[in-house]
Amino acid sequence: MKSILRFAMLGLVLVIVAMASALTAMRLAIHGQEVAVPALVGLTPAEAQKKIDGLGLQMEIERQYYSPQIAEGRIMSQLPLPGSKVRHGWQVRVAQSLGPTRVTIPDVTGESERAAELNIQRRGLEVASLAQVESREIPADQVLAQNPTANATEIVTPKISLLVTAVADPQAFVMPSFVGQPLGTVNRTLQDAGFKLGNVSAAAPVPEATDAASPGTTNSGAATPAAVTATPVQPSPASIIVSQWPAAGQKVASGSGVSFEVR
């Protein structure tokens, strides 16, 4: 019994030792693939590339900035930072210096989008972003604002963002009901709201029944019409609206015409 227990304890110890050895070997293998990121700031891209190639890393020039401290063409910042532990094949992102600012930011406000882009590119600059805003007071396709502003100093990047006007969609309104109102009053309301008076027509008159004793005859026995047709009344400011188009509840654009049928 004691020998069996001894063998079991020995087997357990061997298993623990084997697991510890495997973990240690795995840790060494993982850390053995890691390298420290070198310092690249101040180097040219060629020098930096040569330095990281030997460590199995990659490099990408991600952005360019103006800098009075770092000479033009040299690396001014990097990520990961120097000394960081990374694996083989890791990508190091760097920013390149454009040197001190030597360009004058042009004033492109008031120009068309195309003219502004040409003006910016002619000076060796780029359009960073383009935003549009609807405007009913300023014509479309016109630069409303820019960033940086004209003749700005201490420029960081060689890029300019533009805000350009776009064609504004006409305002939409919900048509109210004008039925039962005088035509003259409604016409003034439409004009004040920016609408136009469309076609105005007289509604067909309602036939009036006669007071004859029997339909189709008079008291003297003479034939007479069953109803008298009235003459349509010409529309006037006092005419009352009986129907409209567009109908109440429909959406209409500002400046649209509204037609009526009146009595």
Protein backbone atom coordinates (compact mmCIF):
# COMPACT_ATOMS: atom_id res chain seq x y z
CA MET A 1 0.00 0.00 0.00
CA LYS A 2 2.82 2.38 0.89
CA SER A 3 4.61 1.65 -2.40
CA ILE A 4 1.47 2.44 -4.41
CA LEU A 5 1.06 5.75 -2.56
CA ARG A 6 4.73 6.54 -3.13
CA PHE A 7 4.40 5.88 -6.89
CA ALA A 8 1.27 8.05 -7.06
CA MET A 9 3.03 10.96 -5.33
CA LEU A 10 6.01 10.58 -7.63
CA GLY A 11 3.77 10.62 -10.69
CA LEU A 12 2.01 13.77 -9.45
CA VAL A 13 5.34 15.51 -8.91
CA LEU A 14 6.45 14.57 -12.42
CA VAL A 15 3.22 15.95 -13.92
CA ILE A 16 3.64 19.26 -12.04
CA VAL A 17 7.27 19.56 -13.17
CA ALA A 18 6.27 18.85 -16.79
CA MET A 19 3.54 21.51 -16.71
CA ALA A 20 5.88 24.10 -15.19
CA SER A 21 8.49 23.35 -17.84
CA ALA A 22 5.91 23.73 -20.61
CA LEU A 23 4.70 27.07 -19.26
CA THR A 24 8.27 28.33 -18.93
CA ALA A 25 9.11 27.24 -22.46
CA MET A 26 5.94 28.92 -23.78
CA ARG A 27 6.75 32.15 -21.94
CA LEU A 28 10.28 32.16 -23.27
CA ALA A 29 9.04 31.49 -26.78
CA ILE A 30 6.54 34.37 -26.61
CA HIS A 31 8.96 36.86 -25.11
CA GLY A 32 11.71 35.66 -27.36
CA GLN A 33 9.67 37.05 -30.32
CA GLU A 34 9.33 40.52 -28.76
CA VAL A 35 11.65 43.42 -29.54
CA ALA A 36 12.05 46.93 -28.16
CA VAL A 37 10.92 49.74 -30.46
CA PRO A 38 13.93 51.95 -31.30
CA ALA A 39 13.96 55.76 -31.17
CA LEU A 40 13.18 57.14 -34.64
CA VAL A 41 12.57 60.85 -33.98
CA GLY A 42 15.09 63.01 -35.81
CA LEU A 43 15.99 60.34 -38.38
CA THR A 44 15.19 60.45 -42.07
CA PRO A 45 12.63 57.89 -43.29
CA ALA A 46 15.43 55.91 -44.96
CA GLU A 47 17.49 55.81 -41.75
CA ALA A 48 14.46 54.82 -39.69
CA GLN A 49 13.45 52.10 -42.15
CA LYS A 50 16.94 50.61 -42.08
CA LYS A 51 16.91 50.64 -38.27
CA ILE A 52 13.61 48.81 -37.85
CA ASP A 53 14.18 46.38 -40.70
CA GLY A 54 16.86 44.70 -38.63
CA LEU A 55 14.33 44.18 -35.83
CA GLY A 56 11.65 42.69 -38.05
CA LEU A 57 9.32 45.69 -37.71
CA GLN A 58 7.43 47.77 -40.27
CA MET A 59 7.05 51.53 -40.61
CA GLU A 60 4.32 53.74 -42.05
CA ILE A 61 4.47 57.53 -42.50
CA GLU A 62 0.96 58.38 -41.38
CA ARG A 63 0.91 62.19 -41.30
CA GLN A 64 2.95 65.30 -42.02
CA TYR A 65 3.14 68.38 -39.81
CA TYR A 66 4.93 71.71 -39.77
CA SER A 67 7.62 71.95 -37.09
CA PRO A 68 10.13 74.70 -36.31
CA GLN A 69 12.18 72.26 -34.18
CA ILE A 70 12.50 69.21 -36.47
CA ALA A 71 14.17 69.64 -39.85
CA GLU A 72 12.08 69.12 -42.97
CA GLY A 73 11.81 65.50 -44.05
CA ARG A 74 12.79 63.99 -40.69
CA ILE A 75 10.59 62.05 -38.30
CA MET A 76 9.02 64.18 -35.58
CA SER A 77 6.91 61.62 -33.65
CA GLN A 78 6.31 57.87 -33.46
CA LEU A 79 3.89 55.33 -32.04
CA PRO A 80 4.58 53.03 -30.18
CA LEU A 81 7.03 55.10 -28.14
CA PRO A 82 10.72 54.16 -27.98
CA GLY A 83 11.42 51.22 -25.65
CA SER A 84 7.93 49.69 -26.03
CA LYS A 85 7.94 45.90 -26.33
CA VAL A 86 6.24 44.66 -29.49
CA ARG A 87 6.22 41.48 -31.54
CA HIS A 88 8.05 40.88 -34.80
CA GLY A 89 6.16 42.35 -37.74
CA TRP A 90 4.57 45.13 -35.65
CA GLN A 91 3.87 48.39 -37.48
CA VAL A 92 5.42 51.60 -36.18
CA ARG A 93 3.46 54.69 -37.24
CA VAL A 94 5.43 57.92 -37.63
CA ALA A 95 4.79 61.57 -38.53
CA GLN A 96 7.15 63.45 -40.81
CA SER A 97 8.19 67.07 -40.39
CA LEU A 98 7.52 69.64 -43.10
CA GLY A 99 9.89 72.07 -41.43
CA PRO A 100 8.89 75.63 -40.45
CA THR A 101 5.72 77.12 -41.97
CA ARG A 102 6.61 78.90 -45.20
CA VAL A 103 3.21 79.00 -46.90
CA THR A 104 0.60 81.74 -46.84
CA ILE A 105 -2.98 80.58 -46.30
CA PRO A 106 -5.09 82.08 -49.11
CA ASP A 107 -8.52 83.64 -48.65
CA VAL A 108 -10.93 81.46 -50.65
CA THR A 109 -14.20 82.61 -49.06
CA GLY A 110 -16.67 83.71 -51.70
CA GLU A 111 -15.09 81.49 -54.35
CA SER A 112 -16.73 78.44 -55.89
CA GLU A 113 -15.72 75.03 -54.59
CA ARG A 114 -13.67 74.24 -57.70
CA ALA A 115 -11.91 77.62 -57.76
CA ALA A 116 -11.05 77.31 -54.06
CA GLU A 117 -9.57 73.82 -54.54
CA LEU A 118 -7.38 75.03 -57.43
CA ASN A 119 -6.23 78.05 -55.40
CA ILE A 120 -5.33 75.80 -52.46
CA GLN A 121 -3.50 73.18 -54.55
CA ARG A 122 -1.54 75.85 -56.43
CA ARG A 123 0.09 76.81 -53.13
CA GLY A 124 1.09 73.25 -52.29
CA LEU A 125 -1.76 72.80 -49.80
CA GLU A 126 -4.57 70.24 -49.63
CA VAL A 127 -8.29 70.27 -48.89
CA ALA A 128 -8.65 68.45 -45.57
CA SER A 129 -12.44 68.20 -45.47
CA LEU A 130 -15.46 69.64 -47.23
CA ALA A 131 -18.76 70.35 -45.48
CA GLN A 132 -21.97 71.73 -46.98
CA VAL A 133 -24.66 73.91 -45.46
CA GLU A 134 -28.01 74.91 -46.98
CA SER A 135 -28.59 78.64 -47.39
CA ARG A 136 -31.46 80.62 -48.91
CA GLU A 137 -29.64 83.96 -48.70
CA ILE A 138 -26.27 82.99 -50.27
CA PRO A 139 -25.95 81.37 -53.73
CA ALA A 140 -25.09 77.67 -53.87
CA ASP A 141 -21.53 76.38 -54.51
CA GLN A 142 -19.82 79.23 -52.65
CA VAL A 143 -17.20 78.93 -49.91
CA LEU A 144 -18.79 80.33 -46.77
CA ALA A 145 -15.89 79.73 -44.33
CA GLN A 146 -12.46 78.12 -44.12
CA ASN A 147 -10.12 76.76 -41.46
CA PRO A 148 -7.35 77.91 -41.04
CA THR A 149 -8.42 81.44 -41.90
CA ALA A 150 -6.61 83.56 -44.46
CA ASN A 151 -3.03 84.55 -43.52
CA ALA A 152 -3.16 82.47 -40.33
CA THR A 153 0.15 81.85 -38.55
CA GLU A 154 1.49 78.83 -36.65
CA ILE A 155 -0.10 76.41 -39.11
CA VAL A 156 0.17 72.78 -38.02
CA THR A 157 -0.83 70.86 -41.16
CA PRO A 158 -0.79 71.81 -44.88
CA LYS A 159 -4.54 71.29 -45.16
CA ILE A 160 -7.56 73.60 -45.28
CA SER A 161 -11.14 72.67 -44.41
CA LEU A 162 -13.96 74.35 -46.36
CA LEU A 163 -17.63 75.08 -45.66
CA VAL A 164 -19.57 75.40 -48.93
CA THR A 165 -23.18 76.49 -49.46
CA ALA A 166 -25.61 74.02 -51.05
CA VAL A 167 -28.99 74.37 -52.75
CA ALA A 168 -31.65 74.60 -50.05
CA ASP A 169 -34.73 72.45 -50.41
CA PRO A 170 -37.94 74.50 -50.60
CA GLN A 171 -39.83 74.77 -47.35
CA ALA A 172 -42.79 72.42 -47.06
CA PHE A 173 -46.04 73.37 -45.33
CA VAL A 174 -49.23 71.50 -44.46
CA MET A 175 -52.15 73.04 -46.34
CA PRO A 176 -54.90 74.31 -44.00
CA SER A 177 -58.62 74.28 -44.83
CA PHE A 178 -60.00 77.50 -46.33
CA VAL A 179 -63.49 76.16 -46.99
CA GLY A 180 -66.21 78.55 -45.77
CA GLN A 181 -63.93 81.63 -45.78
CA PRO A 182 -64.20 84.69 -48.07
CA LEU A 183 -61.92 84.59 -51.12
CA GLY A 184 -60.47 88.07 -50.47
CA THR A 185 -59.37 87.24 -46.93
CA VAL A 186 -57.82 83.95 -48.01
CA ASN A 187 -55.97 85.65 -50.88
CA ARG A 188 -54.28 88.06 -48.46
CA THR A 189 -53.37 85.16 -46.14
CA LEU A 190 -51.77 83.25 -49.01
CA GLN A 191 -49.71 86.23 -50.14
CA ASP A 192 -48.45 86.91 -46.62
CA ALA A 193 -47.36 83.25 -46.35
CA GLY A 194 -45.51 83.25 -49.68
CA PHE A 195 -48.13 81.36 -51.73
CA LYS A 196 -49.94 82.34 -54.92
CA LEU A 197 -53.62 82.42 -55.79
CA GLY A 198 -54.27 79.84 -58.49
CA ASN A 199 -57.40 79.29 -60.56
CA VAL A 200 -60.69 80.50 -59.11
CA SER A 201 -63.90 79.09 -60.59
CA ALA A 202 -67.58 79.44 -59.72
CA ALA A 203 -69.27 76.34 -58.37
CA ALA A 204 -72.26 75.02 -60.30
CA PRO A 205 -75.48 76.53 -58.88
CA VAL A 206 -77.95 74.31 -57.03
CA PRO A 207 -81.26 73.91 -58.94
CA GLU A 208 -84.27 75.52 -57.23
CA ALA A 209 -87.58 73.58 -57.13
CA THR A 210 -90.82 75.41 -58.14
CA ASP A 211 -93.95 75.79 -55.99
CA ALA A 212 -96.20 74.27 -58.71
CA ALA A 213 -99.15 72.09 -57.69
CA SER A 214 -97.83 69.21 -59.74
CA PRO A 215 -94.40 68.76 -61.28
CA GLY A 216 -94.22 69.94 -64.86
CA THR A 217 -97.45 72.09 -64.87
CA THR A 218 -98.59 75.51 -63.67
CA ASN A 219 -101.88 76.42 -62.01
CA SER A 220 -103.25 77.36 -65.40
CA GLY A 221 -102.30 73.99 -66.76
CA ALA A 222 -99.35 75.25 -68.85
CA ALA A 223 -96.16 73.20 -68.89
CA THR A 224 -93.20 74.56 -66.90
CA PRO A 225 -89.71 73.25 -66.11
CA ALA A 226 -89.32 71.18 -62.94
CA ALA A 227 -86.45 73.43 -61.78
CA VAL A 228 -85.02 76.82 -62.61
CA THR A 229 -81.30 76.96 -63.47
CA ALA A 230 -79.56 79.95 -61.88
CA THR A 231 -76.77 81.89 -63.60
CA PRO A 232 -73.33 81.21 -62.04
CA VAL A 233 -72.10 84.11 -59.91
CA GLN A 234 -68.74 85.58 -60.98
CA PRO A 235 -66.05 85.17 -58.27
CA SER A 236 -65.40 88.23 -56.12
CA PRO A 237 -63.54 88.94 -52.86
CA ALA A 238 -66.78 88.29 -51.02
CA SER A 239 -67.28 84.86 -52.65
CA ILE A 240 -67.27 81.97 -50.20
CA ILE A 241 -64.88 79.07 -50.81
CA VAL A 242 -66.58 75.69 -51.17
CA SER A 243 -63.57 73.56 -52.22
CA GLN A 244 -59.82 73.92 -52.67
CA TRP A 245 -56.79 72.31 -54.30
CA PRO A 246 -54.40 71.18 -52.85
CA ALA A 247 -56.76 69.74 -50.28
CA ALA A 248 -56.36 70.44 -46.58
CA GLY A 249 -53.68 68.28 -44.95
CA GLN A 250 -51.50 67.92 -48.06
CA LYS A 251 -47.85 69.05 -47.99
CA VAL A 252 -47.02 71.91 -50.38
CA ALA A 253 -43.84 73.84 -51.14
CA SER A 254 -43.50 77.55 -50.49
CA GLY A 255 -44.52 79.61 -53.53
CA SER A 256 -47.05 77.05 -54.79
CA GLY A 257 -50.42 78.14 -56.19
CA VAL A 258 -53.70 77.29 -54.48
CA SER A 259 -56.91 77.01 -56.54
CA PHE A 260 -60.48 77.45 -55.30
CA GLU A 261 -64.08 76.86 -56.23
CA VAL A 262 -66.40 79.54 -54.83
CA ARG A 263 -70.03 80.57 -54.57
